[in-house]
C-alpha atoms as a PDB file:
ATOM      1  CA  MET A   1       0.779 -23.389  -2.715  1.00  0.00           C
ATOM      2  CA  SER A   2      -0.909 -22.101   0.468  1.00  0.00           C
ATOM      3  CA  GLY A   3       1.371 -24.206   2.689  1.00  0.00           C
ATOM      4  CA  ALA A   4       4.473 -23.256   0.735  1.00  0.00           C
ATOM      5  CA  LYS A   5       7.287 -21.750   2.748  1.00  0.00           C
ATOM      6  CA  VAL A   6       8.536 -18.287   1.933  1.00  0.00           C
ATOM      7  CA  LYS A   7      11.762 -16.716   3.101  1.00  0.00           C
ATOM      8  CA  LEU A   8      11.823 -12.992   3.782  1.00  0.00           C
ATOM      9  CA  SER A   9      14.930 -10.910   4.369  1.00  0.00           C
ATOM     10  CA  ILE A  10      14.397  -7.600   6.111  1.00  0.00           C
ATOM     11  CA  ALA A  11      17.158  -5.368   7.444  1.00  0.00           C
ATOM     12  CA  GLY A  12      19.697  -8.174   7.324  1.00  0.00           C
ATOM     13  CA  GLN A  13      17.472 -10.656   9.146  1.00  0.00           C
ATOM     14  CA  SER A  14      15.845 -13.648   7.440  1.00  0.00           C
ATOM     15  CA  ILE A  15      12.677 -15.428   8.490  1.00  0.00           C
ATOM     16  CA  GLU A  16      10.900 -18.388   6.994  1.00  0.00           C
ATOM     17  CA  THR A  17       7.116 -18.683   7.196  1.00  0.00           C
ATOM     18  CA  THR A  18       4.113 -19.924   5.258  1.00  0.00           C
ATOM     19  CA  LEU A  19       1.710 -17.781   3.270  1.00  0.00           C
ATOM     20  CA  PRO A  20      -1.254 -18.482   5.616  1.00  0.00           C
ATOM     21  CA  GLU A  21       0.869 -17.510   8.617  1.00  0.00           C
ATOM     22  CA  LEU A  22       1.979 -14.359   6.818  1.00  0.00           C
ATOM     23  CA  LYS A  23      -1.661 -13.474   6.115  1.00  0.00           C
ATOM     24  CA  GLU A  24      -2.474 -13.867   9.829  1.00  0.00           C
ATOM     25  CA  ILE A  25       0.461 -11.638  10.747  1.00  0.00           C
ATOM     26  CA  LEU A  26      -0.630  -8.925   8.314  1.00  0.00           C
ATOM     27  CA  GLU A  27      -4.215  -9.045   9.588  1.00  0.00           C
ATOM     28  CA  ALA A  28      -3.018  -8.860  13.201  1.00  0.00           C
ATOM     29  CA  GLN A  29      -0.847  -5.870  12.300  1.00  0.00           C
ATOM     30  CA  ALA A  30      -3.909  -4.085  10.936  1.00  0.00           C
ATOM     31  CA  GLY A  31      -5.490  -4.254  14.385  1.00  0.00           C
ATOM     32  CA  GLU A  32      -8.810  -5.140  12.826  1.00  0.00           C
ATOM     33  CA  ARG A  33      -9.960  -7.496  10.143  1.00  0.00           C
ATOM     34  CA  LEU A  34     -10.252  -6.089   6.680  1.00  0.00           C
ATOM     35  CA  THR A  35     -13.803  -5.864   5.428  1.00  0.00           C
ATOM     36  CA  GLU A  36     -14.974  -7.602   2.278  1.00  0.00           C
ATOM     37  CA  GLU A  37     -15.103  -4.126   0.721  1.00  0.00           C
ATOM     38  CA  ASN A  38     -11.402  -3.589   1.617  1.00  0.00           C
ATOM     39  CA  LYS A  39     -10.448  -6.941   0.105  1.00  0.00           C
ATOM     40  CA  ARG A  40     -12.511  -6.263  -3.032  1.00  0.00           C
ATOM     41  CA  TYR A  41     -10.736  -2.906  -3.450  1.00  0.00           C
ATOM     42  CA  LEU A  42      -7.322  -4.614  -3.158  1.00  0.00           C
ATOM     43  CA  ARG A  43      -8.296  -7.229  -5.746  1.00  0.00           C
ATOM     44  CA  GLN A  44      -9.472  -4.461  -8.110  1.00  0.00           C
ATOM     45  CA  LEU A  45      -6.120  -2.720  -7.740  1.00  0.00           C
ATOM     46  CA  LEU A  46      -4.354  -5.983  -8.502  1.00  0.00           C
ATOM     47  CA  GLN A  47      -6.354  -6.299 -11.736  1.00  0.00           C
ATOM     48  CA  GLN A  48      -6.267  -2.695 -12.932  1.00  0.00           C
ATOM     49  CA  GLY A  49      -2.939  -1.609 -11.466  1.00  0.00           C
ATOM     50  CA  LEU A  50      -3.927   1.919 -10.515  1.00  0.00           C
ATOM     51  CA  LYS A  51      -7.091   3.738  -9.527  1.00  0.00           C
ATOM     52  CA  ASP A  52      -7.163   7.372 -10.596  1.00  0.00           C
ATOM     53  CA  TYR A  53      -8.403  10.142  -8.317  1.00  0.00           C
ATOM     54  CA  PRO A  54      -7.788  13.279 -10.408  1.00  0.00           C
ATOM     55  CA  ARG A  55      -9.166  15.519  -7.621  1.00  0.00           C
ATOM     56  CA  GLY A  56      -7.981  13.446  -4.662  1.00  0.00           C
ATOM     57  CA  VAL A  57     -10.092  10.998  -2.690  1.00  0.00           C
ATOM     58  CA  ALA A  58     -13.179  13.182  -2.423  1.00  0.00           C
ATOM     59  CA  THR A  59     -15.476  11.651   0.178  1.00  0.00           C
ATOM     60  CA  GLU A  60     -14.767  11.166   3.872  1.00  0.00           C
ATOM     61  CA  GLU A  61     -16.328   7.694   3.707  1.00  0.00           C
ATOM     62  CA  GLU A  62     -13.895   6.572   1.017  1.00  0.00           C
ATOM     63  CA  ARG A  63     -10.927   8.204   2.778  1.00  0.00           C
ATOM     64  CA  GLN A  64     -11.797   6.322   5.976  1.00  0.00           C
ATOM     65  CA  SER A  65     -11.976   3.025   4.118  1.00  0.00           C
ATOM     66  CA  LEU A  66      -8.652   3.637   2.364  1.00  0.00           C
ATOM     67  CA  ARG A  67      -6.932   4.919   5.516  1.00  0.00           C
ATOM     68  CA  LEU A  68      -6.878   1.422   7.055  1.00  0.00           C
ATOM     69  CA  LEU A  69      -5.297  -0.018   3.893  1.00  0.00           C
ATOM     70  CA  ARG A  70      -2.768   2.802   3.601  1.00  0.00           C
ATOM     71  CA  ASN A  71      -1.810   2.851   7.284  1.00  0.00           C
ATOM     72  CA  ASN A  72      -1.030  -0.856   7.111  1.00  0.00           C
ATOM     73  CA  GLY A  73       1.086  -0.518   3.988  1.00  0.00           C
ATOM     74  CA  LEU A  74      -1.263  -2.404   1.653  1.00  0.00           C
ATOM     75  CA  ILE A  75      -1.779   0.556  -0.696  1.00  0.00           C
ATOM     76  CA  GLN A  76       0.206   3.654  -1.537  1.00  0.00           C
ATOM     77  CA  THR A  77      -0.664   7.047  -2.891  1.00  0.00           C
ATOM     78  CA  VAL A  78       0.566   8.608  -6.100  1.00  0.00           C
ATOM     79  CA  PRO A  79       2.487  10.808  -5.570  1.00  0.00           C
ATOM     80  CA  ARG A  80       4.085   8.876  -2.732  1.00  0.00           C
ATOM     81  CA  ASN A  81       3.350  10.060   0.807  1.00  0.00           C
ATOM     82  CA  ALA A  82       0.553  12.372  -0.329  1.00  0.00           C
ATOM     83  CA  PHE A  83      -2.468  12.826   1.886  1.00  0.00           C
ATOM     84  CA  LEU A  84      -5.498  10.962   0.560  1.00  0.00           C
ATOM     85  CA  ASN A  85      -7.115  14.355  -0.174  1.00  0.00           C
ATOM     86  CA  ASP A  86      -4.195  15.170  -2.464  1.00  0.00           C
ATOM     87  CA  ALA A  87      -3.580  11.742  -4.036  1.00  0.00           C
ATOM     88  CA  LYS A  88      -3.895  11.625  -7.805  1.00  0.00           C
ATOM     89  CA  ALA A  89      -4.075   7.820  -7.750  1.00  0.00           C
ATOM     90  CA  ILE A  90      -3.906   4.798  -5.465  1.00  0.00           C
ATOM     91  CA  GLU A  91      -1.869   1.693  -6.227  1.00  0.00           C
ATOM     92  CA  LEU A  92      -1.277  -1.639  -4.556  1.00  0.00           C
ATOM     93  CA  SER A  93       1.962  -1.751  -2.579  1.00  0.00           C
ATOM     94  CA  ALA A  94       4.382  -4.674  -2.613  1.00  0.00           C
ATOM     95  CA  LEU A  95       3.028  -5.657   0.803  1.00  0.00           C
ATOM     96  CA  GLY A  96      -0.507  -5.484  -0.600  1.00  0.00           C
ATOM     97  CA  ARG A  97       0.433  -7.856  -3.418  1.00  0.00           C
ATOM     98  CA  LEU A  98       1.991 -10.206  -0.895  1.00  0.00           C
ATOM     99  CA  TYR A  99      -1.142 -10.053   1.269  1.00  0.00           C
ATOM    100  CA  LEU A 100      -3.314 -11.034  -1.705  1.00  0.00           C
ATOM    101  CA  ARG A 101      -0.923 -13.809  -2.616  1.00  0.00           C
ATOM    102  CA  ALA A 102      -1.063 -15.053   0.978  1.00  0.00           C
ATOM    103  CA  GLY A 103      -4.626 -16.136   0.692  1.00  0.00           C
ATOM    104  CA  VAL A 104      -7.324 -13.579   0.034  1.00  0.00           C
ATOM    105  CA  PRO A 105      -9.615 -15.339  -2.474  1.00  0.00           C
ATOM    106  CA  THR A 106      -9.586 -13.665  -5.884  1.00  0.00           C
END
């Protein structure tokens, strides 16, 4: 499966790539490699679907960790486009699911 070709259509343009190549592209887009903690968080979201933050993401340390994932489109806030301080929950984005499918060990 890891060498399987995928075809993506974005804004009327189609590209064909492999999942490992897609993973490399997503990591390069992030500007820095995701930490094991980042990857673990993504896998948890995949399993549980949603992580509740009834009072927003409270600590600066956690906001910093989530900022990298959010800024690269791997997670999204609930409600959409909320600041992390104001988010009631965090969920995996479609791009985040694709990133996990592209080769992050589960």
